[in-house]
């Protein structure tokens, strides 16, 4: 990967780390499934009138929208509402890296190299160090829901890769039309018809800003750039960059939510960085050594 694409992948990871703060602020004011639906309504409108529909089968478009919009974020927003800390949530959901690499092997025959496996292993050790330090404070149900969200993210990554080299911004925008209806129906069943007027009555400027950040920055920029990278590089080379998300999530949680950073979290974050360095620079160092 050229340096500009490496920087793009890191920028996406930082944005997604910050988005956990927006999720925390959002679910404090709006029911989680309704909040997820609003995220995708604003991500789709008015962009769907400005961006051409990508040349992908309808089933792929719908599958991507359901996996990412309904599965990943519907489950994640509920988990945060139920008490999953923003920093720990940004950490646990990075299990998607390993689900994605496994699914890419199953569906595309991609065999990860030593740098991808070694880097992912080191980064996973870092995640394990942080998780052991923070897992005690998380309830079982939100933890399991976050892991399920990670599985859905892996499925969404696989669908995005299956789309190939199409207009990835178009894929994200048009797939954003899929989640609102099932999410709104689920919200009506679980939260009742009063959830929407209650949210409109009590939402603050912070809540509005959180929805805007999730819709335009995290969804359109983040998933558009991420899907673009996945269409051009092996999943085992792209997805490990998402391991930087918990580093950004934990740091922003400490700064904006007052979540404490412990010594194990610092050690784990250092291991995550080391894993990323192995993943990015390992193949280049091997080629230079061979030369």
Protein backbone atom coordinates (compact mmCIF):
# COMPACT_ATOMS: atom_id res chain seq x y z
CA UNK A 1 0.00 0.00 0.00
CA UNK A 2 1.34 3.48 -0.81
CA UNK A 3 1.73 5.88 2.09
CA UNK A 4 -1.33 7.94 1.09
CA UNK A 5 -3.55 4.85 1.33
CA UNK A 6 -1.99 3.91 4.68
CA UNK A 7 -2.81 7.41 5.96
CA UNK A 8 -6.35 7.08 4.61
CA UNK A 9 -6.84 3.80 6.49
CA UNK A 10 -5.52 5.37 9.71
CA UNK A 11 -7.79 8.42 9.25
CA UNK A 12 -10.81 6.12 8.94
CA UNK A 13 -9.78 4.30 12.12
CA UNK A 14 -9.50 7.59 14.03
CA UNK A 15 -12.94 8.70 12.81
CA UNK A 16 -14.47 5.39 13.87
CA UNK A 17 -12.80 5.65 17.27
CA UNK A 18 -14.34 9.09 17.76
CA UNK A 19 -17.71 7.81 16.58
CA UNK A 20 -18.05 5.77 19.78
CA UNK A 21 -18.26 9.06 21.66
CA UNK A 22 -21.01 10.16 19.29
CA UNK A 23 -22.82 6.86 19.89
CA UNK A 24 -22.61 7.32 23.66
CA UNK A 25 -23.98 10.87 23.43
CA UNK A 26 -26.64 9.81 20.93
CA UNK A 27 -28.11 6.89 22.89
CA UNK A 28 -28.33 9.12 25.95
CA UNK A 29 -31.01 11.13 24.10
CA UNK A 30 -32.54 8.83 21.45
CA UNK A 31 -33.62 5.16 21.60
CA UNK A 32 -30.76 3.09 20.06
CA UNK A 33 -32.62 1.54 17.11
CA UNK A 34 -34.27 4.86 16.28
CA UNK A 35 -30.86 6.55 16.50
CA UNK A 36 -29.42 3.97 14.08
CA UNK A 37 -32.29 4.57 11.68
CA UNK A 38 -31.74 8.35 11.82
CA UNK A 39 -28.05 7.83 11.12
CA UNK A 40 -28.87 6.11 7.86
CA UNK A 41 -31.72 8.40 6.86
CA UNK A 42 -29.35 11.37 6.93
CA UNK A 43 -26.53 9.38 5.33
CA UNK A 44 -28.82 8.54 2.40
CA UNK A 45 -30.56 11.90 2.03
CA UNK A 46 -29.91 14.00 0.03
CA UNK A 47 -26.79 12.12 -1.16
CA UNK A 48 -28.85 9.44 -2.95
CA UNK A 49 -30.06 12.13 -5.40
CA UNK A 50 -26.50 13.26 -6.11
CA UNK A 51 -24.61 9.95 -6.32
CA UNK A 52 -25.19 7.40 -9.07
CA UNK A 53 -26.28 3.91 -8.01
CA UNK A 54 -23.32 1.52 -8.21
CA UNK A 55 -23.32 -1.30 -10.74
CA UNK A 56 -23.85 -4.11 -8.23
CA UNK A 57 -26.66 -6.69 -7.92
CA UNK A 58 -29.57 -5.63 -5.73
CA UNK A 59 -29.01 -8.59 -3.37
CA UNK A 60 -25.46 -7.40 -2.72
CA UNK A 61 -26.61 -3.84 -2.07
CA UNK A 62 -29.32 -5.04 0.33
CA UNK A 63 -26.98 -7.52 2.01
CA UNK A 64 -24.36 -4.85 2.65
CA UNK A 65 -26.99 -2.48 4.08
CA UNK A 66 -28.45 -5.14 6.36
CA UNK A 67 -25.08 -6.41 7.60
CA UNK A 68 -23.60 -2.99 8.38
CA UNK A 69 -26.65 -0.85 9.13
CA UNK A 70 -28.98 -3.27 10.88
CA UNK A 71 -26.61 -5.96 12.17
CA UNK A 72 -23.45 -4.10 13.11
CA UNK A 73 -24.81 -0.77 14.28
CA UNK A 74 -28.23 -1.88 15.48
CA UNK A 75 -26.59 -4.36 17.85
CA UNK A 76 -23.76 -2.01 18.80
CA UNK A 77 -26.06 0.91 19.66
CA UNK A 78 -28.18 -1.33 21.89
CA UNK A 79 -25.03 -2.67 23.57
CA UNK A 80 -23.81 0.85 24.35
CA UNK A 81 -27.24 1.76 25.68
CA UNK A 82 -27.15 -1.31 27.94
CA UNK A 83 -23.86 -0.23 29.45
CA UNK A 84 -21.00 -1.21 27.14
CA UNK A 85 -18.31 1.47 27.75
CA UNK A 86 -17.31 3.44 24.66
CA UNK A 87 -13.64 2.49 24.95
CA UNK A 88 -14.29 -1.21 25.54
CA UNK A 89 -16.91 -1.30 22.77
CA UNK A 90 -14.41 0.15 20.30
CA UNK A 91 -12.04 -2.61 21.38
CA UNK A 92 -14.29 -5.68 21.32
CA UNK A 93 -15.81 -4.91 17.93
CA UNK A 94 -12.34 -5.16 16.39
CA UNK A 95 -12.82 -8.91 16.43
CA UNK A 96 -14.23 -8.08 12.99
CA UNK A 97 -10.63 -8.11 11.72
CA UNK A 98 -10.32 -11.83 12.33
CA UNK A 99 -13.87 -12.60 11.15
CA UNK A 100 -13.13 -10.69 7.92
CA UNK A 101 -9.82 -12.47 7.30
CA UNK A 102 -11.53 -15.83 7.88
CA UNK A 103 -14.45 -14.97 5.56
CA UNK A 104 -12.03 -13.72 2.87
CA UNK A 105 -10.25 -17.06 3.07
CA UNK A 106 -13.55 -18.98 2.82
CA UNK A 107 -15.16 -16.97 -0.02
CA UNK A 108 -12.18 -15.59 -1.97
CA UNK A 109 -9.37 -17.99 -1.17
CA UNK A 110 -7.19 -15.19 0.21
CA UNK A 111 -4.33 -16.63 2.20
CA UNK A 112 -2.91 -14.11 4.67
CA UNK A 113 0.88 -13.74 4.68
CA UNK A 114 3.17 -13.98 7.67
CA UNK A 115 3.04 -10.20 8.19
CA UNK A 116 -0.76 -10.15 8.32
CA UNK A 117 -0.95 -13.16 10.63
CA UNK A 118 1.93 -12.04 12.82
CA UNK A 119 0.76 -8.44 12.99
CA UNK A 120 -2.80 -9.50 13.76
CA UNK A 121 -1.51 -11.86 16.45
CA UNK A 122 0.53 -9.14 18.16
CA UNK A 123 -2.37 -6.70 17.93
CA UNK A 124 -4.77 -9.34 19.24
CA UNK A 125 -2.45 -9.82 22.21
CA UNK A 126 -2.73 -6.09 22.81
CA UNK A 127 -6.51 -6.26 22.64
CA UNK A 128 -6.39 -9.17 25.09
CA UNK A 129 -4.34 -7.14 27.56
CA UNK A 130 -6.82 -4.25 27.40
CA UNK A 131 -9.84 -6.55 27.52
CA UNK A 132 -8.60 -8.37 30.63
CA UNK A 133 -8.25 -5.01 32.32
CA UNK A 134 -11.71 -3.73 31.37
CA UNK A 135 -13.89 -6.78 30.87
CA UNK A 136 -14.75 -7.04 34.55
CA UNK A 137 -16.87 -3.90 34.32
CA UNK A 138 -18.93 -4.98 31.31
CA UNK A 139 -22.13 -6.99 31.58
CA UNK A 140 -22.37 -10.23 29.60
CA UNK A 141 -25.30 -9.27 27.33
CA UNK A 142 -23.82 -6.06 25.89
CA UNK A 143 -20.50 -7.87 25.44
CA UNK A 144 -22.14 -10.67 23.44
CA UNK A 145 -24.09 -8.14 21.38
CA UNK A 146 -20.87 -6.30 20.54
CA UNK A 147 -19.23 -9.56 19.42
CA UNK A 148 -22.29 -10.29 17.24
CA UNK A 149 -21.91 -6.77 15.79
CA UNK A 150 -18.30 -7.65 14.92
CA UNK A 151 -19.52 -10.74 13.02
CA UNK A 152 -21.94 -8.55 11.06
CA UNK A 153 -19.14 -6.10 10.28
CA UNK A 154 -17.10 -8.97 8.87
CA UNK A 155 -20.04 -10.00 6.68
CA UNK A 156 -20.40 -6.40 5.49
CA UNK A 157 -16.69 -6.23 4.65
CA UNK A 158 -17.08 -9.44 2.64
CA UNK A 159 -20.05 -8.01 0.72
CA UNK A 160 -18.11 -4.80 0.03
CA UNK A 161 -15.19 -6.81 -1.30
CA UNK A 162 -17.54 -8.94 -3.42
CA UNK A 163 -18.78 -5.73 -5.06
CA UNK A 164 -15.32 -5.27 -6.57
CA UNK A 165 -14.00 -2.02 -7.99
CA UNK A 166 -17.23 -0.08 -8.20
CA UNK A 167 -18.09 3.40 -6.94
CA UNK A 168 -17.75 2.70 -3.22
CA UNK A 169 -19.31 6.02 -2.19
CA UNK A 170 -22.31 5.01 -4.28
CA UNK A 171 -22.39 1.62 -2.54
CA UNK A 172 -22.42 3.23 0.91
CA UNK A 173 -25.00 5.88 -0.04
CA UNK A 174 -27.45 3.55 -1.80
CA UNK A 175 -27.10 0.80 0.79
CA UNK A 176 -28.00 3.42 3.42
CA UNK A 177 -31.57 3.24 2.06
CA UNK A 178 -31.86 -0.32 3.38
CA UNK A 179 -31.50 -0.04 7.20
CA UNK A 180 -34.08 2.67 8.12
CA UNK A 181 -37.24 0.63 7.46
CA UNK A 182 -36.33 -2.54 9.43
CA UNK A 183 -34.78 -0.41 12.17
CA UNK A 184 -37.84 1.83 12.48
CA UNK A 185 -40.13 -1.22 12.59
CA UNK A 186 -37.96 -2.81 15.28
CA UNK A 187 -37.96 0.46 17.23
CA UNK A 188 -41.75 0.65 17.08
CA UNK A 189 -41.99 -2.89 18.45
CA UNK A 190 -39.39 -2.48 21.20
CA UNK A 191 -39.64 1.21 22.13
CA UNK A 192 -43.24 1.97 21.24
CA UNK A 193 -44.70 4.66 18.95
CA UNK A 194 -43.83 7.39 21.45
CA UNK A 195 -40.07 7.04 20.90
CA UNK A 196 -39.97 9.36 17.87
CA UNK A 197 -41.88 12.36 19.36
CA UNK A 198 -39.98 11.88 22.64
CA UNK A 199 -36.66 12.05 20.82
CA UNK A 200 -37.68 15.15 18.83
CA UNK A 201 -38.85 16.86 21.99
CA UNK A 202 -35.74 16.25 24.10
CA UNK A 203 -32.84 16.07 21.63
CA UNK A 204 -30.12 18.67 22.19
CA UNK A 205 -27.56 20.25 19.89
CA UNK A 206 -25.07 17.66 21.13
CA UNK A 207 -27.43 14.89 20.03
CA UNK A 208 -27.93 16.53 16.63
CA UNK A 209 -24.17 16.90 16.24
CA UNK A 210 -23.68 13.24 17.16
CA UNK A 211 -26.14 12.13 14.46
CA UNK A 212 -24.49 14.41 11.90
CA UNK A 213 -21.02 13.04 12.72
CA UNK A 214 -22.20 9.44 12.51
CA UNK A 215 -24.11 10.03 9.26
CA UNK A 216 -21.68 12.10 7.22
CA UNK A 217 -18.22 11.53 8.68
CA UNK A 218 -18.32 7.98 10.09
CA UNK A 219 -20.69 6.52 7.47
CA UNK A 220 -20.13 8.36 4.17
CA UNK A 221 -16.43 9.10 4.57
CA UNK A 222 -15.49 6.19 6.84
CA UNK A 223 -17.29 3.31 5.15
CA UNK A 224 -16.84 4.78 1.68
CA UNK A 225 -13.06 4.95 2.09
CA UNK A 226 -12.95 1.58 3.86
CA UNK A 227 -14.90 -0.22 1.15
CA UNK A 228 -12.70 1.50 -1.48
CA UNK A 229 -9.56 0.15 0.21
CA UNK A 230 -11.04 -3.36 0.52
CA UNK A 231 -11.85 -3.37 -3.21
CA UNK A 232 -8.17 -2.75 -4.04
CA UNK A 233 -6.20 -4.71 -1.43
CA UNK A 234 -6.51 -8.09 0.30
CA UNK A 235 -8.74 -8.04 3.36
CA UNK A 236 -5.85 -9.30 5.50
CA UNK A 237 -3.88 -6.17 4.54
CA UNK A 238 -6.68 -3.62 5.11
CA UNK A 239 -8.67 -4.83 8.10
CA UNK A 240 -5.77 -4.81 10.63
CA UNK A 241 -5.79 -1.00 10.41
CA UNK A 242 -9.13 -1.13 12.25
CA UNK A 243 -7.18 -2.34 15.27
CA UNK A 244 -6.24 1.32 15.76
CA UNK A 245 -9.92 2.11 16.40
CA UNK A 246 -9.83 1.03 20.08
CA UNK A 247 -6.71 3.13 20.65
CA UNK A 248 -8.56 6.20 19.35
CA UNK A 249 -11.76 5.13 21.13
CA UNK A 250 -10.11 4.66 24.52
CA UNK A 251 -8.17 7.95 24.21
CA UNK A 252 -11.28 9.92 23.20
CA UNK A 253 -13.30 8.20 25.92
CA UNK A 254 -10.76 9.36 28.48
CA UNK A 255 -10.71 12.93 27.17
CA UNK A 256 -14.42 13.44 26.48
CA UNK A 257 -16.19 10.97 28.79
CA UNK A 258 -13.75 10.85 31.68
CA UNK A 259 -13.03 7.13 31.25
CA UNK A 260 -9.75 6.33 33.00
CA UNK A 261 -6.72 5.02 31.08
CA UNK A 262 -4.81 2.35 33.00
CA UNK A 263 -1.28 0.98 32.60
CA UNK A 264 -2.56 -2.27 30.94
CA UNK A 265 -4.42 -0.12 28.38
CA UNK A 266 -1.19 1.75 27.58
CA UNK A 267 0.68 -1.54 27.18
CA UNK A 268 -2.13 -3.01 25.05
CA UNK A 269 -2.24 0.09 22.85
CA UNK A 270 1.53 -0.17 22.30
CA UNK A 271 1.05 -3.79 21.17
CA UNK A 272 -1.71 -2.70 18.79
CA UNK A 273 0.69 -0.17 17.25
CA UNK A 274 3.38 -2.85 16.98
CA UNK A 275 0.93 -5.18 15.21
CA UNK A 276 0.04 -2.45 12.73
CA UNK A 277 3.72 -1.76 12.05
CA UNK A 278 4.36 -5.45 11.36
CA UNK A 279 1.33 -5.61 9.05
CA UNK A 280 2.30 -2.49 7.09
CA UNK A 281 6.09 -2.63 6.94
CA UNK A 282 6.80 -6.35 7.33
CA UNK A 283 6.47 -7.25 3.63
CA UNK A 284 8.61 -4.25 2.60
CA UNK A 285 11.38 -5.19 5.02
CA UNK A 286 11.27 -8.79 3.75
CA UNK A 287 11.65 -7.66 0.14
CA UNK A 288 14.58 -5.42 1.02
CA UNK A 289 16.25 -8.23 2.97
CA UNK A 290 15.75 -10.63 0.05
CA UNK A 291 17.14 -8.05 -2.39
